[in-house]
Amino acid sequence: MPSSRRRFVRTIAAGGVLTALSGCTSDLEPSTATPLPEPESNPAPASGDPITVSRDYRDSSKYDYYPETGEIRRRTDYRKHVNESGTTKEPVYEREPASSWVTRVGGTVAGVEAMTTARERLGVESLADISRGIGYDDGEARRVMLAYEVWPNRSGEARTPSVEFEALVSAVPRTITANLQFEATTLSGTFHPVVEFRQIYRS
């Protein structure tokens, strides 16, 4: 069983100025850390066995599906009306096409399940330094991104996740079908996860 502790790997010493992913970079000092070699395929499509997950929104107080318009409505507030009979409250909705809602919310569901499934398949208690993104459509398929984060520093070391990049790619399901149930219908979306190798520099 792989250790759940974060590993540190030694990198080759070299000079240079670190390029930060955020913030100002003009005053950084020379670093002894060099980038680790990136995988040949980056981002890499996940290759684990597919899974199917379900979420039930039939009793949801947050989302409603309207088949006549093909949209999801999310209650955000209530508008008060005062008349002779008293005060009534009218729901205020945000509206979103069902297809984009499935990509967005289904992508979140798929990302959570991708992380949970990978952790169970790898036999580790946590996946530190691995983060999940949101669902998106790249024009070919719905996808969800998992980031494998490596943190080089000026001491000549790099903090890496507790599992190898290739092992993560093999553990994450290659497809995740999310079935989102409403009273009127079940909305489904199949996501194709990808794993991206990221080196994040900081001063």
Protein backbone atom coordinates (compact mmCIF):
# COMPACT_ATOMS: atom_id res chain seq x y z
CA MET A 1 0.00 0.00 0.00
CA PRO A 2 1.54 3.37 -1.00
CA SER A 3 2.42 5.72 1.83
CA SER A 4 -0.02 8.55 2.40
CA ARG A 5 2.78 10.81 3.54
CA ARG A 6 4.02 13.42 1.12
CA ARG A 7 7.26 12.44 -0.54
CA PHE A 8 10.17 14.71 -1.34
CA VAL A 9 12.34 14.00 -4.34
CA ARG A 10 15.72 15.53 -5.03
CA THR A 11 16.03 17.60 -8.20
CA ILE A 12 19.17 18.60 -10.10
CA ALA A 13 20.75 21.84 -8.92
CA ALA A 14 20.74 24.67 -11.43
CA GLY A 15 20.59 28.44 -11.41
CA GLY A 16 17.89 30.62 -12.88
CA VAL A 17 14.93 32.65 -11.89
CA LEU A 18 11.72 30.90 -10.95
CA THR A 19 8.66 31.70 -12.96
CA ALA A 20 5.77 32.05 -10.55
CA LEU A 21 2.29 31.04 -11.53
CA SER A 22 0.85 33.99 -9.65
CA GLY A 23 2.09 37.27 -8.28
CA CYS A 24 5.10 39.37 -9.21
CA THR A 25 8.23 37.59 -10.46
CA SER A 26 10.67 40.46 -10.95
CA ASP A 27 12.34 40.22 -7.53
CA LEU A 28 12.76 36.45 -7.21
CA GLU A 29 16.20 35.15 -6.30
CA PRO A 30 18.05 32.43 -8.26
CA SER A 31 16.74 28.94 -7.52
CA THR A 32 18.49 25.60 -7.18
CA ALA A 33 15.37 23.73 -8.34
CA THR A 34 14.89 22.58 -11.90
CA PRO A 35 11.63 21.30 -13.36
CA LEU A 36 10.93 17.60 -13.15
CA PRO A 37 10.44 15.96 -16.54
CA GLU A 38 6.84 16.15 -17.66
CA PRO A 39 5.01 13.00 -18.73
CA GLU A 40 4.97 12.35 -22.45
CA SER A 41 1.21 12.82 -22.53
CA ASN A 42 0.15 15.87 -20.54
CA PRO A 43 -2.67 16.17 -19.79
CA ALA A 44 -3.18 12.43 -19.93
CA PRO A 45 -6.58 10.82 -20.44
CA ALA A 46 -7.56 8.65 -17.49
CA SER A 47 -7.47 4.93 -18.19
CA GLY A 48 -9.18 3.22 -15.23
CA ASP A 49 -12.37 1.18 -15.40
CA PRO A 50 -15.52 3.30 -16.03
CA ILE A 51 -18.06 4.03 -13.30
CA THR A 52 -21.64 5.33 -13.15
CA VAL A 53 -22.93 7.52 -10.34
CA SER A 54 -26.36 8.93 -9.48
CA ARG A 55 -27.66 11.96 -7.63
CA ASP A 56 -31.31 12.44 -6.66
CA TYR A 57 -32.76 15.94 -7.02
CA ARG A 58 -36.41 14.93 -6.81
CA ASP A 59 -36.81 16.44 -3.36
CA SER A 60 -34.31 19.23 -3.91
CA SER A 61 -35.20 22.62 -2.45
CA LYS A 62 -32.53 24.20 -4.63
CA TYR A 63 -33.00 22.92 -8.20
CA ASP A 64 -36.08 22.34 -10.36
CA TYR A 65 -36.17 20.93 -13.90
CA TYR A 66 -38.69 22.35 -16.40
CA PRO A 67 -39.05 19.97 -19.36
CA GLU A 68 -41.18 22.39 -21.39
CA THR A 69 -38.27 24.82 -21.62
CA GLY A 70 -35.41 22.36 -21.11
CA GLU A 71 -33.93 24.40 -18.29
CA ILE A 72 -32.90 24.13 -14.68
CA ARG A 73 -34.14 26.78 -12.30
CA ARG A 74 -32.34 27.45 -9.06
CA ARG A 75 -34.21 29.26 -6.31
CA THR A 76 -32.07 32.14 -5.10
CA ASP A 77 -34.51 34.34 -3.17
CA TYR A 78 -38.13 35.27 -2.60
CA ARG A 79 -39.90 38.44 -3.67
CA LYS A 80 -42.52 39.71 -1.22
CA HIS A 81 -45.91 40.97 -2.37
CA VAL A 82 -48.16 42.84 0.03
CA ASN A 83 -51.85 43.29 -0.72
CA GLU A 84 -55.19 43.42 1.09
CA SER A 85 -55.08 39.69 1.73
CA GLY A 86 -51.68 39.84 3.36
CA THR A 87 -48.13 39.06 2.31
CA THR A 88 -47.17 36.44 -0.25
CA LYS A 89 -43.74 35.30 -1.37
CA GLU A 90 -42.83 34.60 -4.98
CA PRO A 91 -39.71 32.52 -5.69
CA VAL A 92 -36.90 34.20 -7.62
CA TYR A 93 -34.98 31.87 -9.95
CA GLU A 94 -31.74 31.74 -11.83
CA ARG A 95 -32.26 29.88 -15.10
CA GLU A 96 -29.76 27.73 -16.96
CA PRO A 97 -30.08 25.41 -19.97
CA ALA A 98 -30.19 21.81 -18.79
CA SER A 99 -27.23 20.83 -21.00
CA SER A 100 -24.88 23.39 -19.47
CA TRP A 101 -26.17 22.59 -15.97
CA VAL A 102 -25.33 18.91 -16.52
CA THR A 103 -21.82 19.91 -17.62
CA ARG A 104 -21.31 22.18 -14.63
CA VAL A 105 -23.00 20.29 -11.79
CA GLY A 106 -22.46 16.84 -13.28
CA GLY A 107 -18.80 17.76 -13.69
CA THR A 108 -18.55 18.52 -9.99
CA VAL A 109 -20.16 15.18 -9.17
CA ALA A 110 -17.82 13.39 -11.59
CA GLY A 111 -14.76 15.14 -10.14
CA VAL A 112 -15.63 14.13 -6.58
CA GLU A 113 -16.24 10.53 -7.64
CA ALA A 114 -13.02 10.46 -9.67
CA MET A 115 -11.01 11.44 -6.60
CA THR A 116 -12.85 9.01 -4.31
CA THR A 117 -12.52 6.11 -6.74
CA ALA A 118 -8.83 6.77 -7.38
CA ARG A 119 -8.09 6.95 -3.66
CA GLU A 120 -9.87 3.64 -3.04
CA ARG A 121 -8.19 1.90 -5.97
CA LEU A 122 -4.76 3.12 -4.92
CA GLY A 123 -5.34 2.17 -1.29
CA VAL A 124 -4.38 5.56 0.16
CA GLU A 125 -6.14 7.62 2.81
CA SER A 126 -5.79 10.93 0.98
CA LEU A 127 -4.66 12.42 -2.30
CA ALA A 128 -2.72 15.43 -1.05
CA ASP A 129 -1.44 17.76 -3.80
CA ILE A 130 -4.00 16.41 -6.25
CA SER A 131 -6.89 18.74 -6.94
CA ARG A 132 -9.99 18.54 -9.08
CA GLY A 133 -11.40 21.14 -11.39
CA ILE A 134 -14.86 21.82 -12.74
CA GLY A 135 -16.65 20.08 -15.56
CA TYR A 136 -16.24 21.55 -19.03
CA ASP A 137 -16.97 20.74 -22.66
CA ASP A 138 -13.99 21.00 -25.01
CA GLY A 139 -16.11 20.61 -28.12
CA GLU A 140 -15.43 16.88 -28.39
CA ALA A 141 -16.54 15.57 -25.00
CA ARG A 142 -17.45 16.57 -21.49
CA ARG A 143 -14.37 16.45 -19.31
CA VAL A 144 -13.20 17.04 -15.77
CA MET A 145 -9.59 17.89 -14.93
CA LEU A 146 -7.53 16.49 -12.08
CA ALA A 147 -4.29 18.32 -11.33
CA TYR A 148 -1.19 16.40 -10.18
CA GLU A 149 0.72 19.18 -8.41
CA VAL A 150 4.50 19.23 -7.94
CA TRP A 151 6.05 22.01 -5.85
CA PRO A 152 9.78 22.63 -6.49
CA ASN A 153 11.55 24.97 -4.08
CA ARG A 154 14.87 26.80 -3.82
CA SER A 155 16.41 24.15 -1.57
CA GLY A 156 16.71 21.75 -4.49
CA GLU A 157 13.77 19.58 -3.51
CA ALA A 158 10.24 19.14 -4.82
CA ARG A 159 7.12 18.16 -2.92
CA THR A 160 5.08 15.64 -4.86
CA PRO A 161 1.86 13.68 -4.29
CA SER A 162 2.06 10.36 -2.47
CA VAL A 163 1.32 8.39 -5.66
CA GLU A 164 3.04 8.33 -9.03
CA PHE A 165 1.51 10.26 -11.92
CA GLU A 166 1.08 7.11 -14.05
CA ALA A 167 -0.56 5.27 -11.14
CA LEU A 168 -3.09 8.07 -10.75
CA VAL A 169 -3.88 8.05 -14.47
CA SER A 170 -4.49 4.29 -14.28
CA ALA A 171 -6.73 4.57 -11.21
CA VAL A 172 -9.00 7.40 -12.36
CA PRO A 173 -12.01 6.08 -14.33
CA ARG A 174 -11.70 6.73 -18.05
CA THR A 175 -15.39 7.63 -18.15
CA ILE A 176 -17.81 8.69 -15.43
CA THR A 177 -21.51 8.74 -16.27
CA ALA A 178 -23.51 10.99 -13.95
CA ASN A 179 -27.26 10.37 -13.75
CA LEU A 180 -29.07 13.34 -12.20
CA GLN A 181 -32.63 12.44 -11.27
CA PHE A 182 -35.63 14.76 -11.32
CA GLU A 183 -39.33 13.98 -11.13
CA ALA A 184 -39.84 14.59 -14.85
CA THR A 185 -36.72 12.86 -16.15
CA THR A 186 -33.14 11.80 -15.49
CA LEU A 187 -30.48 14.03 -17.01
CA SER A 188 -27.28 12.20 -17.86
CA GLY A 189 -23.79 13.23 -18.84
CA THR A 190 -20.68 11.15 -19.51
CA PHE A 191 -17.39 12.75 -18.54
CA HIS A 192 -13.91 11.82 -19.74
CA PRO A 193 -11.43 12.73 -16.98
CA VAL A 194 -7.92 13.93 -17.77
CA VAL A 195 -4.95 14.25 -15.40
CA GLU A 196 -2.61 17.21 -15.79
CA PHE A 197 0.97 17.30 -14.47
CA ARG A 198 1.57 20.77 -12.99
CA GLN A 199 4.74 22.26 -11.53
CA ILE A 200 3.91 25.14 -9.25
CA TYR A 201 6.74 27.49 -8.32
CA ARG A 202 6.74 29.78 -5.33
CA SER A 203 9.34 31.98 -3.73
